[in-house]
N, C-alpha and C. Protein backbone atom coordinates (compact mmCIF):
# COMPACT_ATOMS: atom_id res chain seq x y z
N MET A 1 20.67 -12.66 6.68
CA MET A 1 21.90 -13.15 6.07
C MET A 1 22.63 -14.11 6.99
N ALA A 2 22.08 -14.36 8.17
CA ALA A 2 22.74 -15.25 9.12
C ALA A 2 22.86 -16.67 8.57
N ALA A 3 21.97 -17.06 7.66
CA ALA A 3 22.01 -18.42 7.11
C ALA A 3 23.00 -18.55 5.97
N TYR A 4 23.53 -17.43 5.47
CA TYR A 4 24.48 -17.46 4.36
C TYR A 4 25.89 -17.73 4.86
N SER A 5 26.71 -18.28 3.96
CA SER A 5 28.13 -18.37 4.28
C SER A 5 28.69 -16.95 4.30
N GLU A 6 29.86 -16.77 4.86
CA GLU A 6 30.44 -15.42 4.92
C GLU A 6 30.65 -14.85 3.52
N ASP A 7 31.08 -15.69 2.56
CA ASP A 7 31.25 -15.22 1.18
C ASP A 7 29.93 -14.79 0.58
N ASP A 8 28.87 -15.58 0.79
CA ASP A 8 27.55 -15.23 0.26
C ASP A 8 27.03 -13.95 0.91
N ALA A 9 27.21 -13.84 2.23
CA ALA A 9 26.75 -12.65 2.94
C ALA A 9 27.48 -11.41 2.41
N ARG A 10 28.78 -11.52 2.15
CA ARG A 10 29.54 -10.40 1.59
C ARG A 10 29.02 -10.05 0.20
N SER A 11 28.74 -11.06 -0.61
CA SER A 11 28.19 -10.81 -1.95
C SER A 11 26.85 -10.09 -1.88
N VAL A 12 26.01 -10.49 -0.95
CA VAL A 12 24.70 -9.83 -0.78
C VAL A 12 24.89 -8.39 -0.34
N ARG A 13 25.79 -8.14 0.62
CA ARG A 13 26.05 -6.77 1.08
C ARG A 13 26.59 -5.91 -0.05
N GLU A 14 27.49 -6.46 -0.85
CA GLU A 14 28.05 -5.73 -1.99
C GLU A 14 26.96 -5.40 -3.01
N PHE A 15 26.08 -6.38 -3.28
CA PHE A 15 24.98 -6.13 -4.21
C PHE A 15 24.08 -5.02 -3.69
N LEU A 16 23.70 -5.09 -2.41
CA LEU A 16 22.82 -4.08 -1.84
C LEU A 16 23.45 -2.69 -1.88
N ALA A 17 24.73 -2.60 -1.58
CA ALA A 17 25.42 -1.30 -1.64
C ALA A 17 25.48 -0.79 -3.07
N SER A 18 25.78 -1.67 -4.02
CA SER A 18 25.82 -1.29 -5.43
C SER A 18 24.45 -0.83 -5.91
N GLU A 19 23.42 -1.54 -5.51
CA GLU A 19 22.05 -1.19 -5.92
C GLU A 19 21.65 0.16 -5.33
N LYS A 20 22.04 0.44 -4.09
CA LYS A 20 21.74 1.73 -3.46
C LYS A 20 22.43 2.86 -4.23
N ARG A 21 23.69 2.65 -4.60
CA ARG A 21 24.41 3.68 -5.38
C ARG A 21 23.74 3.89 -6.73
N ARG A 22 23.31 2.80 -7.39
CA ARG A 22 22.64 2.91 -8.68
C ARG A 22 21.34 3.69 -8.56
N GLN A 23 20.55 3.37 -7.54
CA GLN A 23 19.28 4.06 -7.35
C GLN A 23 19.50 5.53 -7.02
N ASP A 24 20.49 5.84 -6.19
CA ASP A 24 20.81 7.24 -5.88
C ASP A 24 21.22 8.01 -7.14
N ARG A 25 22.02 7.37 -8.00
CA ARG A 25 22.45 8.01 -9.26
C ARG A 25 21.24 8.28 -10.15
N LEU A 26 20.36 7.31 -10.28
CA LEU A 26 19.17 7.49 -11.11
C LEU A 26 18.24 8.55 -10.54
N LEU A 27 18.12 8.61 -9.23
CA LEU A 27 17.28 9.62 -8.59
C LEU A 27 17.80 11.02 -8.88
N ARG A 28 19.11 11.20 -8.89
CA ARG A 28 19.69 12.52 -9.18
C ARG A 28 19.47 12.94 -10.63
N GLN A 29 19.22 11.98 -11.52
CA GLN A 29 19.07 12.28 -12.95
C GLN A 29 17.67 12.70 -13.35
N GLN A 30 16.75 12.80 -12.42
CA GLN A 30 15.39 13.21 -12.76
C GLN A 30 14.89 14.20 -11.70
N ASN A 31 13.71 14.77 -11.92
CA ASN A 31 13.28 15.88 -11.07
C ASN A 31 12.21 15.51 -10.04
N ARG A 32 12.00 14.25 -9.78
CA ARG A 32 11.01 13.84 -8.79
C ARG A 32 11.70 13.55 -7.45
N SER A 33 10.94 13.73 -6.38
CA SER A 33 11.49 13.44 -5.05
C SER A 33 11.58 11.93 -4.86
N GLU A 34 12.38 11.53 -3.88
CA GLU A 34 12.52 10.11 -3.59
C GLU A 34 11.18 9.49 -3.20
N SER A 35 10.38 10.22 -2.40
CA SER A 35 9.08 9.68 -1.98
C SER A 35 8.13 9.55 -3.17
N GLU A 36 8.19 10.48 -4.12
CA GLU A 36 7.34 10.39 -5.31
C GLU A 36 7.76 9.19 -6.18
N VAL A 37 9.05 8.99 -6.34
CA VAL A 37 9.54 7.84 -7.10
C VAL A 37 9.10 6.54 -6.40
N GLN A 38 9.21 6.50 -5.09
CA GLN A 38 8.80 5.31 -4.34
C GLN A 38 7.31 5.05 -4.50
N TYR A 39 6.50 6.12 -4.45
CA TYR A 39 5.05 5.98 -4.62
C TYR A 39 4.73 5.35 -5.98
N TRP A 40 5.32 5.89 -7.06
CA TRP A 40 5.02 5.38 -8.40
C TRP A 40 5.59 3.99 -8.62
N THR A 41 6.69 3.67 -7.96
CA THR A 41 7.22 2.30 -8.01
C THR A 41 6.24 1.35 -7.34
N ASP A 42 5.68 1.76 -6.21
CA ASP A 42 4.68 0.94 -5.52
C ASP A 42 3.44 0.73 -6.40
N VAL A 43 3.00 1.79 -7.07
CA VAL A 43 1.85 1.68 -7.96
C VAL A 43 2.14 0.69 -9.09
N LEU A 44 3.32 0.80 -9.70
CA LEU A 44 3.71 -0.10 -10.77
C LEU A 44 3.76 -1.55 -10.28
N GLN A 45 4.32 -1.77 -9.10
CA GLN A 45 4.39 -3.12 -8.55
C GLN A 45 2.99 -3.66 -8.27
N PHE A 46 2.10 -2.79 -7.79
CA PHE A 46 0.73 -3.24 -7.55
C PHE A 46 0.04 -3.62 -8.86
N CYS A 47 0.21 -2.81 -9.90
CA CYS A 47 -0.38 -3.12 -11.20
C CYS A 47 0.14 -4.45 -11.73
N ASP A 48 1.41 -4.72 -11.52
CA ASP A 48 1.99 -5.99 -11.93
C ASP A 48 1.34 -7.14 -11.17
N LEU A 49 1.19 -6.98 -9.88
CA LEU A 49 0.57 -8.01 -9.05
C LEU A 49 -0.89 -8.24 -9.46
N LEU A 50 -1.62 -7.15 -9.69
CA LEU A 50 -3.02 -7.25 -10.11
C LEU A 50 -3.12 -7.98 -11.45
N SER A 51 -2.25 -7.66 -12.39
CA SER A 51 -2.30 -8.31 -13.70
C SER A 51 -1.99 -9.81 -13.58
N LEU A 52 -1.05 -10.17 -12.73
CA LEU A 52 -0.76 -11.59 -12.52
C LEU A 52 -1.96 -12.32 -11.91
N TYR A 53 -2.62 -11.65 -10.97
CA TYR A 53 -3.79 -12.26 -10.35
C TYR A 53 -4.90 -12.46 -11.38
N LEU A 54 -5.17 -11.44 -12.18
CA LEU A 54 -6.23 -11.56 -13.19
C LEU A 54 -5.89 -12.64 -14.21
N CYS A 55 -4.65 -12.68 -14.66
CA CYS A 55 -4.26 -13.65 -15.68
C CYS A 55 -4.28 -15.09 -15.17
N CYS A 56 -4.15 -15.30 -13.87
CA CYS A 56 -4.17 -16.67 -13.34
C CYS A 56 -5.57 -17.25 -13.38
N GLY A 57 -6.59 -16.42 -13.59
CA GLY A 57 -7.94 -16.91 -13.75
C GLY A 57 -8.72 -17.11 -12.47
N SER A 58 -8.18 -16.71 -11.35
CA SER A 58 -8.88 -16.90 -10.08
C SER A 58 -10.12 -16.01 -10.02
N GLN A 59 -11.16 -16.51 -9.37
CA GLN A 59 -12.39 -15.75 -9.13
C GLN A 59 -12.59 -15.53 -7.63
N GLU A 60 -11.56 -15.84 -6.85
CA GLU A 60 -11.66 -15.73 -5.40
C GLU A 60 -11.40 -14.30 -4.94
N SER A 61 -12.06 -13.90 -3.88
CA SER A 61 -11.78 -12.61 -3.27
C SER A 61 -10.38 -12.67 -2.66
N VAL A 62 -9.70 -11.54 -2.69
CA VAL A 62 -8.33 -11.51 -2.19
C VAL A 62 -8.04 -10.13 -1.61
N GLU A 63 -7.15 -10.10 -0.63
CA GLU A 63 -6.63 -8.83 -0.12
C GLU A 63 -5.14 -8.82 -0.40
N PHE A 64 -4.72 -7.85 -1.21
CA PHE A 64 -3.30 -7.72 -1.54
C PHE A 64 -2.59 -7.10 -0.35
N GLN A 65 -1.46 -7.66 0.03
CA GLN A 65 -0.75 -7.20 1.22
C GLN A 65 0.05 -5.92 0.99
N GLN A 66 0.33 -5.61 -0.28
CA GLN A 66 1.08 -4.39 -0.57
C GLN A 66 0.23 -3.17 -0.20
N ARG A 67 0.82 -2.22 0.46
CA ARG A 67 0.11 -0.99 0.87
C ARG A 67 0.46 0.12 -0.11
N ILE A 68 -0.59 0.70 -0.70
CA ILE A 68 -0.35 1.79 -1.66
C ILE A 68 -1.30 2.94 -1.38
N GLY A 69 -1.05 4.03 -2.04
CA GLY A 69 -1.91 5.20 -1.90
C GLY A 69 -1.49 6.07 -0.74
N PRO A 70 -2.10 7.25 -0.66
CA PRO A 70 -1.71 8.21 0.37
C PRO A 70 -1.98 7.73 1.79
N LYS A 71 -2.93 6.83 1.95
CA LYS A 71 -3.25 6.31 3.28
C LYS A 71 -2.57 4.98 3.57
N GLY A 72 -1.81 4.46 2.61
CA GLY A 72 -1.12 3.19 2.81
C GLY A 72 -2.05 2.03 3.06
N GLU A 73 -3.17 2.00 2.35
CA GLU A 73 -4.16 0.96 2.56
C GLU A 73 -3.84 -0.30 1.74
N THR A 74 -4.31 -1.44 2.25
CA THR A 74 -4.28 -2.64 1.43
C THR A 74 -5.50 -2.57 0.51
N VAL A 75 -5.44 -3.28 -0.60
CA VAL A 75 -6.52 -3.26 -1.58
C VAL A 75 -7.18 -4.63 -1.61
N ARG A 76 -8.50 -4.63 -1.56
CA ARG A 76 -9.27 -5.88 -1.67
C ARG A 76 -9.86 -5.98 -3.07
N LEU A 77 -9.97 -7.20 -3.56
CA LEU A 77 -10.56 -7.46 -4.87
C LEU A 77 -11.64 -8.53 -4.69
N GLN A 78 -12.82 -8.22 -5.19
CA GLN A 78 -13.94 -9.16 -5.13
C GLN A 78 -14.62 -9.22 -6.48
N VAL A 79 -15.24 -10.36 -6.79
CA VAL A 79 -16.04 -10.46 -8.00
C VAL A 79 -17.46 -10.06 -7.65
N LYS A 80 -17.97 -9.04 -8.37
CA LYS A 80 -19.34 -8.56 -8.17
C LYS A 80 -19.95 -8.27 -9.52
N ASP A 81 -21.10 -8.87 -9.79
CA ASP A 81 -21.82 -8.61 -11.05
C ASP A 81 -20.92 -8.79 -12.27
N ALA A 82 -20.21 -9.89 -12.34
CA ALA A 82 -19.34 -10.23 -13.48
C ALA A 82 -18.21 -9.23 -13.70
N ALA A 83 -17.87 -8.49 -12.66
CA ALA A 83 -16.74 -7.55 -12.74
C ALA A 83 -15.92 -7.70 -11.46
N PHE A 84 -14.67 -7.27 -11.52
CA PHE A 84 -13.82 -7.25 -10.34
C PHE A 84 -13.96 -5.89 -9.68
N ALA A 85 -14.28 -5.88 -8.40
CA ALA A 85 -14.45 -4.64 -7.66
C ALA A 85 -13.27 -4.47 -6.71
N LEU A 86 -12.59 -3.33 -6.82
CA LEU A 86 -11.47 -3.00 -5.95
C LEU A 86 -11.96 -2.12 -4.81
N SER A 87 -11.48 -2.39 -3.62
CA SER A 87 -11.83 -1.57 -2.47
C SER A 87 -10.56 -1.29 -1.66
N PRO A 88 -10.18 -0.04 -1.49
CA PRO A 88 -10.85 1.15 -2.01
C PRO A 88 -10.76 1.21 -3.53
N ALA A 89 -11.71 1.93 -4.13
CA ALA A 89 -11.75 2.06 -5.59
C ALA A 89 -10.48 2.77 -6.07
N LEU A 90 -9.85 2.22 -7.10
CA LEU A 90 -8.62 2.82 -7.64
C LEU A 90 -8.87 3.55 -8.94
N PHE A 91 -10.03 3.33 -9.55
CA PHE A 91 -10.37 3.98 -10.81
C PHE A 91 -11.61 4.84 -10.61
N ALA A 92 -11.68 5.95 -11.32
CA ALA A 92 -12.82 6.85 -11.21
C ALA A 92 -14.09 6.23 -11.77
N LYS A 93 -13.94 5.32 -12.74
CA LYS A 93 -15.08 4.62 -13.31
C LYS A 93 -14.62 3.22 -13.70
N GLU A 94 -15.58 2.39 -14.11
CA GLU A 94 -15.23 1.04 -14.52
C GLU A 94 -14.33 1.08 -15.74
N VAL A 95 -13.31 0.20 -15.74
CA VAL A 95 -12.39 0.10 -16.88
C VAL A 95 -12.42 -1.33 -17.39
N GLU A 96 -12.08 -1.48 -18.66
CA GLU A 96 -11.93 -2.81 -19.23
C GLU A 96 -10.46 -3.02 -19.55
N LEU A 97 -9.91 -4.09 -19.05
CA LEU A 97 -8.53 -4.46 -19.32
C LEU A 97 -8.55 -5.69 -20.20
N SER A 98 -7.59 -5.78 -21.12
CA SER A 98 -7.55 -6.96 -21.98
C SER A 98 -6.11 -7.28 -22.35
N VAL A 99 -5.93 -8.53 -22.74
CA VAL A 99 -4.62 -9.00 -23.19
C VAL A 99 -4.87 -10.04 -24.28
N GLU A 100 -4.04 -10.02 -25.30
CA GLU A 100 -4.13 -11.03 -26.34
C GLU A 100 -3.21 -12.19 -25.96
N ALA A 101 -3.79 -13.38 -25.91
CA ALA A 101 -3.05 -14.56 -25.49
C ALA A 101 -2.77 -15.43 -26.72
N HIS A 102 -1.53 -15.84 -26.86
CA HIS A 102 -1.09 -16.70 -27.96
C HIS A 102 -0.77 -18.08 -27.43
N PRO A 103 -1.05 -19.13 -28.19
CA PRO A 103 -0.74 -20.48 -27.71
C PRO A 103 0.77 -20.69 -27.59
N TYR A 104 1.14 -21.55 -26.66
CA TYR A 104 2.55 -21.90 -26.49
C TYR A 104 2.65 -23.41 -26.50
N PRO A 105 3.54 -23.98 -27.19
CA PRO A 105 4.48 -23.34 -28.11
C PRO A 105 3.77 -22.86 -29.38
N ALA A 106 4.39 -21.90 -30.02
CA ALA A 106 3.78 -21.27 -31.20
C ALA A 106 3.55 -22.27 -32.33
N GLU A 107 4.32 -23.34 -32.35
CA GLU A 107 4.20 -24.33 -33.43
C GLU A 107 2.85 -25.04 -33.42
N THR A 108 2.11 -24.96 -32.32
CA THR A 108 0.82 -25.64 -32.27
C THR A 108 -0.18 -25.01 -33.25
N GLY A 109 0.07 -23.77 -33.63
CA GLY A 109 -0.74 -23.12 -34.65
C GLY A 109 -2.14 -22.75 -34.20
N GLY A 110 -2.44 -22.87 -32.94
CA GLY A 110 -3.77 -22.50 -32.46
C GLY A 110 -3.99 -20.99 -32.56
N PRO A 111 -5.24 -20.59 -32.60
CA PRO A 111 -5.54 -19.16 -32.72
C PRO A 111 -5.29 -18.43 -31.40
N SER A 112 -4.99 -17.16 -31.50
CA SER A 112 -4.86 -16.36 -30.29
C SER A 112 -6.26 -15.99 -29.80
N ILE A 113 -6.36 -15.67 -28.53
CA ILE A 113 -7.63 -15.22 -27.97
C ILE A 113 -7.39 -13.94 -27.19
N THR A 114 -8.43 -13.14 -27.05
CA THR A 114 -8.34 -11.94 -26.24
C THR A 114 -9.10 -12.20 -24.94
N ILE A 115 -8.42 -11.98 -23.83
CA ILE A 115 -9.01 -12.16 -22.50
C ILE A 115 -9.33 -10.77 -21.97
N ARG A 116 -10.54 -10.57 -21.48
CA ARG A 116 -10.98 -9.25 -20.99
C ARG A 116 -11.46 -9.34 -19.54
N TRP A 117 -11.24 -8.25 -18.82
CA TRP A 117 -11.74 -8.13 -17.46
C TRP A 117 -12.36 -6.75 -17.30
N ARG A 118 -13.46 -6.68 -16.57
CA ARG A 118 -14.04 -5.40 -16.16
C ARG A 118 -13.62 -5.18 -14.71
N VAL A 119 -13.06 -4.02 -14.46
CA VAL A 119 -12.57 -3.69 -13.11
C VAL A 119 -13.15 -2.35 -12.71
N ARG A 120 -13.69 -2.30 -11.50
CA ARG A 120 -14.20 -1.02 -10.99
C ARG A 120 -13.72 -0.79 -9.58
C-alpha cells in the first residue's frame, strides 16, 4: 500500500477490515472449521483456474502455482494420449468435462457447439 495515496490506503484498510468481519460472520453461521472452509475455497479456486485454462484452448504443459490438497502440492497438467493428465492425480478415474459454447454476439445466429475434455 506504500504506492497508494493516504486516502486510497485508508480505503483499502477499511475494505480489508470489513471483508474480515464479513468472513468471520459467515464462518460462525455454518459448522465447518476455518481450515476446512479455506481448503474447499482453494479447491474451488483451482477448479476455476483449470476451467479457464481448458477453455483458452492451450495444449501446452503447465504447472499451476496454487497449492492445494493435504500436502500443499502444485498441480501439473500435460497432454497425454489426447487427454489432459493431472499430476498428482486429482480424480480417481478419467472424467469428461464439457461446456456448451454459444456464439457472441447472439445476433450472429450461429449454432452452439459442445467442447469436451478428457481429464485424468
